[in-house]
Structures are given as structure tokens and as C-alpha cells.
Amino acid sequence: MSHLAPLPLTLEPMTEQDGREVCRWRYPEPYHLFRWPPWDDMVKQEREFGDPHIRARQYLSVRTSDDERLVGYVQLFPMERTVRIGMGLRPDCCDRGWGIHLTRLVVQEAARRRPDAEIDLEVEKWNRRAIRTYEKAGFVVTDQYDRRATHGIVSVYCMVWRGMA
């Protein structure tokens, strides 16, 4: 694992071109479960960022500040009293120490948008890499349950942001 310092990252509205690119990303096992379907399928199904309205309201692209390369995406899903966040880094950007920086950046944006809302996320229980990242960024496990995902029924932790120690 590389321990390079994280690059300064920025959040911008996700464009259609960004969505197309994210759909081409391929992760190694066991993370391959998190790949998105082909772009044309996403659009036909009006699924997530394939739907221009959902993309505009919930999705942001993550870019490097210096050369504006697309290195990830985030979702800010509004719920009644909560903002549920989701995020992904481009496969070649994983294991570089960027996850904690990105998670903190997403928390700041969620808090800016909804200052009184709780911020949470779901993570599959087997995904120790992500769980460690979220814990280091100030999240704690508050619940666990099974839910349907595109790759079947999965066991997840719900983690809530409690702030930095």
C-alpha cells in the first residue's frame, strides 16, 4: 500500500461525461462488486447518475485541484433528518491514503448543505478497508442489518459521523 500524501481534492457538479467515465471503471476483486453498469443501461433505467435530475441533485465529481483529473464521485442522498453519503475513488486512486481526505471533504459538503442533519453512510461488513477509513474520518458503527444491493442481499454497517476526536 502506498502512503502518498493525499492530493488537494475538489467537488464539482457531476457531468454526463463524468458519469460515462465512472461507468468504465473496473475494480479488482473483491471490490469488483462496486462497478456500475454500462452508461447506456444507466440512462435507459434512469438509474442513479444516469438520470440527469438525480445526478444534478445528488452527485458530485471529485477532481484533483491541480490538473482537474476526475478521481472519484460522491453521492449526497437526502433523507428526512439525515444525509446519507456514498463515495468512490477511481480504481488506481485507491490505497493511496486519499479516502480519509475525501470522506472529510464529503462530510463538510453534507454539513454545509444540511447543517442540522445527521450524516451517515452504509458499508458492507466485509469491506475492512473502507470501514477503517471511515473510522479514521470520525464515523462510528451505530447499526447493522441486511439489505438488497445490485449484487444480492448484503450485510452492512450503518456508520454515523460523530466528528473528529
Protein backbone atom coordinates (compact mmCIF):
# COMPACT_ATOMS: atom_id res chain seq x y z
CA MET A 1 0.00 0.00 0.00
CA SER A 2 1.26 3.43 -0.93
CA HIS A 3 1.23 6.13 1.76
CA LEU A 4 1.44 9.13 -0.53
CA ALA A 5 0.07 12.38 0.83
CA PRO A 6 -3.43 12.99 -0.47
CA LEU A 7 -3.81 15.43 -3.30
CA PRO A 8 -5.96 18.50 -2.74
CA LEU A 9 -9.38 17.43 -3.97
CA THR A 10 -12.37 19.49 -5.09
CA LEU A 11 -16.05 18.68 -5.50
CA GLU A 12 -17.92 19.82 -8.62
CA PRO A 13 -21.28 19.02 -10.18
CA MET A 14 -21.11 15.67 -11.95
CA THR A 15 -21.37 15.97 -15.72
CA GLU A 16 -22.73 13.38 -18.13
CA GLN A 17 -19.16 12.80 -19.35
CA ASP A 18 -18.04 12.14 -15.76
CA GLY A 19 -20.86 9.61 -15.37
CA ARG A 20 -19.81 7.85 -18.57
CA GLU A 21 -16.24 7.64 -17.29
CA VAL A 22 -17.25 6.31 -13.84
CA CYS A 23 -19.20 3.52 -15.59
CA ARG A 24 -15.97 2.39 -17.29
CA TRP A 25 -14.03 1.99 -14.04
CA ARG A 26 -13.13 -1.61 -13.18
CA TYR A 27 -12.08 -2.58 -9.67
CA PRO A 28 -10.06 -5.67 -8.73
CA GLU A 29 -11.69 -8.44 -6.68
CA PRO A 30 -13.36 -8.29 -4.24
CA TYR A 31 -14.20 -4.65 -4.99
CA HIS A 32 -15.41 -5.52 -8.50
CA LEU A 33 -18.88 -5.78 -6.93
CA PHE A 34 -19.00 -1.97 -6.85
CA ARG A 35 -18.70 -1.41 -10.59
CA TRP A 36 -21.51 0.46 -12.29
CA PRO A 37 -23.43 -0.95 -15.26
CA PRO A 38 -22.69 0.40 -18.75
CA TRP A 39 -23.67 4.06 -19.21
CA ASP A 40 -26.39 3.32 -21.78
CA ASP A 41 -28.07 0.94 -19.31
CA MET A 42 -27.88 3.56 -16.54
CA VAL A 43 -29.60 6.10 -18.80
CA LYS A 44 -32.28 3.66 -20.05
CA GLN A 45 -33.09 2.61 -16.47
CA GLU A 46 -32.93 6.24 -15.24
CA ARG A 47 -30.65 4.83 -12.56
CA GLU A 48 -28.67 6.98 -10.16
CA PHE A 49 -26.36 9.40 -12.00
CA GLY A 50 -27.69 8.10 -15.34
CA ASP A 51 -30.79 10.19 -14.59
CA PRO A 52 -29.91 13.87 -15.16
CA HIS A 53 -32.23 15.04 -12.36
CA ILE A 54 -30.77 12.66 -9.75
CA ARG A 55 -27.26 13.47 -10.98
CA ALA A 56 -27.87 17.21 -10.56
CA ARG A 57 -29.40 16.89 -7.07
CA GLN A 58 -27.25 14.16 -5.51
CA TYR A 59 -23.95 13.56 -7.32
CA LEU A 60 -20.66 15.40 -7.38
CA SER A 61 -17.43 14.65 -9.17
CA VAL A 62 -14.15 14.57 -7.27
CA ARG A 63 -11.24 16.18 -9.09
CA THR A 64 -7.65 16.93 -8.27
CA SER A 65 -7.19 20.64 -7.66
CA ASP A 66 -4.03 20.96 -9.72
CA ASP A 67 -4.95 19.30 -13.03
CA GLU A 68 -8.71 18.72 -12.54
CA ARG A 69 -8.49 14.97 -13.24
CA LEU A 70 -11.62 13.00 -12.34
CA VAL A 71 -10.56 10.77 -9.44
CA GLY A 72 -13.87 9.95 -7.77
CA TYR A 73 -17.52 10.68 -7.20
CA VAL A 74 -19.78 11.27 -4.22
CA GLN A 75 -23.47 11.00 -3.55
CA LEU A 76 -25.31 13.12 -1.01
CA PHE A 77 -28.66 11.37 -0.57
CA PRO A 78 -31.16 13.48 1.40
CA MET A 79 -33.34 11.67 3.91
CA GLU A 80 -35.74 13.12 6.48
CA ARG A 81 -33.22 14.05 9.21
CA THR A 82 -30.11 12.59 7.62
CA VAL A 83 -27.79 13.00 4.68
CA ARG A 84 -26.55 9.59 3.61
CA ILE A 85 -23.24 9.82 1.83
CA GLY A 86 -21.64 7.48 -0.64
CA MET A 87 -18.38 7.77 -2.48
CA GLY A 88 -15.98 6.01 -4.76
CA LEU A 89 -12.45 6.59 -5.89
CA ARG A 90 -11.13 5.66 -9.33
CA PRO A 91 -9.53 2.20 -9.00
CA ASP A 92 -5.96 3.43 -9.49
CA CYS A 93 -6.50 6.06 -6.76
CA CYS A 94 -7.38 3.52 -4.06
CA ASP A 95 -4.83 2.54 -1.40
CA ARG A 96 -3.06 5.90 -1.60
CA GLY A 97 -4.40 7.41 1.62
CA TRP A 98 -6.90 9.65 -0.19
CA GLY A 99 -10.02 8.07 1.36
CA ILE A 100 -9.84 9.89 4.69
CA HIS A 101 -9.33 13.24 2.98
CA LEU A 102 -12.22 12.56 0.60
CA THR A 103 -14.51 11.42 3.42
CA ARG A 104 -13.82 14.58 5.41
CA LEU A 105 -14.43 16.71 2.31
CA VAL A 106 -17.79 14.99 1.73
CA VAL A 107 -18.78 15.46 5.38
CA GLN A 108 -18.02 19.19 5.08
CA GLU A 109 -20.20 19.45 1.98
CA ALA A 110 -23.06 17.49 3.58
CA ALA A 111 -22.90 19.70 6.69
CA ARG A 112 -22.84 22.83 4.52
CA ARG A 113 -25.96 21.70 2.65
CA ARG A 114 -27.88 20.49 5.71
CA PRO A 115 -26.28 21.86 8.90
CA ASP A 116 -28.84 20.26 11.24
CA ALA A 117 -28.88 16.82 9.62
CA GLU A 118 -27.11 13.71 10.84
CA ILE A 119 -24.53 12.39 8.37
CA ASP A 120 -24.34 8.65 7.86
CA LEU A 121 -23.27 6.01 5.39
CA GLU A 122 -23.65 2.30 4.77
CA VAL A 123 -20.68 -0.01 4.26
CA GLU A 124 -20.64 -3.73 3.62
CA LYS A 125 -19.30 -5.57 6.67
CA TRP A 126 -16.56 -7.39 4.75
CA ASN A 127 -15.08 -4.10 3.45
CA ARG A 128 -12.49 -3.56 6.18
CA ARG A 129 -10.50 -1.09 4.06
CA ALA A 130 -13.47 1.28 3.84
CA ILE A 131 -14.51 0.75 7.47
CA ARG A 132 -11.03 1.73 8.71
CA THR A 133 -11.08 4.83 6.51
CA TYR A 134 -14.49 5.91 7.79
CA GLU A 135 -13.48 5.33 11.41
CA LYS A 136 -10.36 7.47 10.95
CA ALA A 137 -12.56 10.20 9.45
CA GLY A 138 -14.84 10.28 12.52
CA PHE A 139 -17.59 7.71 11.81
CA VAL A 140 -18.78 5.06 14.28
CA VAL A 141 -20.91 1.97 13.71
CA THR A 142 -24.41 2.53 15.08
CA ASP A 143 -26.40 -0.29 13.46
CA GLN A 144 -26.10 -3.39 11.31
CA TYR A 145 -28.62 -5.04 9.02
CA ASP A 146 -29.07 -6.82 5.72
CA ARG A 147 -30.29 -5.00 2.62
CA ARG A 148 -30.67 -5.60 -1.08
CA ALA A 149 -27.84 -4.44 -3.34
CA THR A 150 -27.30 -4.92 -7.06
CA HIS A 151 -25.12 -7.95 -6.27
CA GLY A 152 -27.60 -9.58 -3.86
CA ILE A 153 -28.51 -9.36 -0.18
CA VAL A 154 -25.60 -7.84 1.74
CA SER A 155 -24.80 -7.33 5.42
CA VAL A 156 -23.97 -3.71 6.16
CA TYR A 157 -23.00 -1.43 8.99
CA CYS A 158 -24.65 1.94 9.27
CA MET A 159 -21.99 4.40 10.41
CA VAL A 160 -22.76 7.88 11.73
CA TRP A 161 -20.34 10.79 11.73
CA ARG A 162 -19.50 11.84 15.28
CA GLY A 163 -16.76 14.29 14.41
CA MET A 164 -13.03 14.23 14.86
CA ALA A 165 -11.56 13.38 18.24
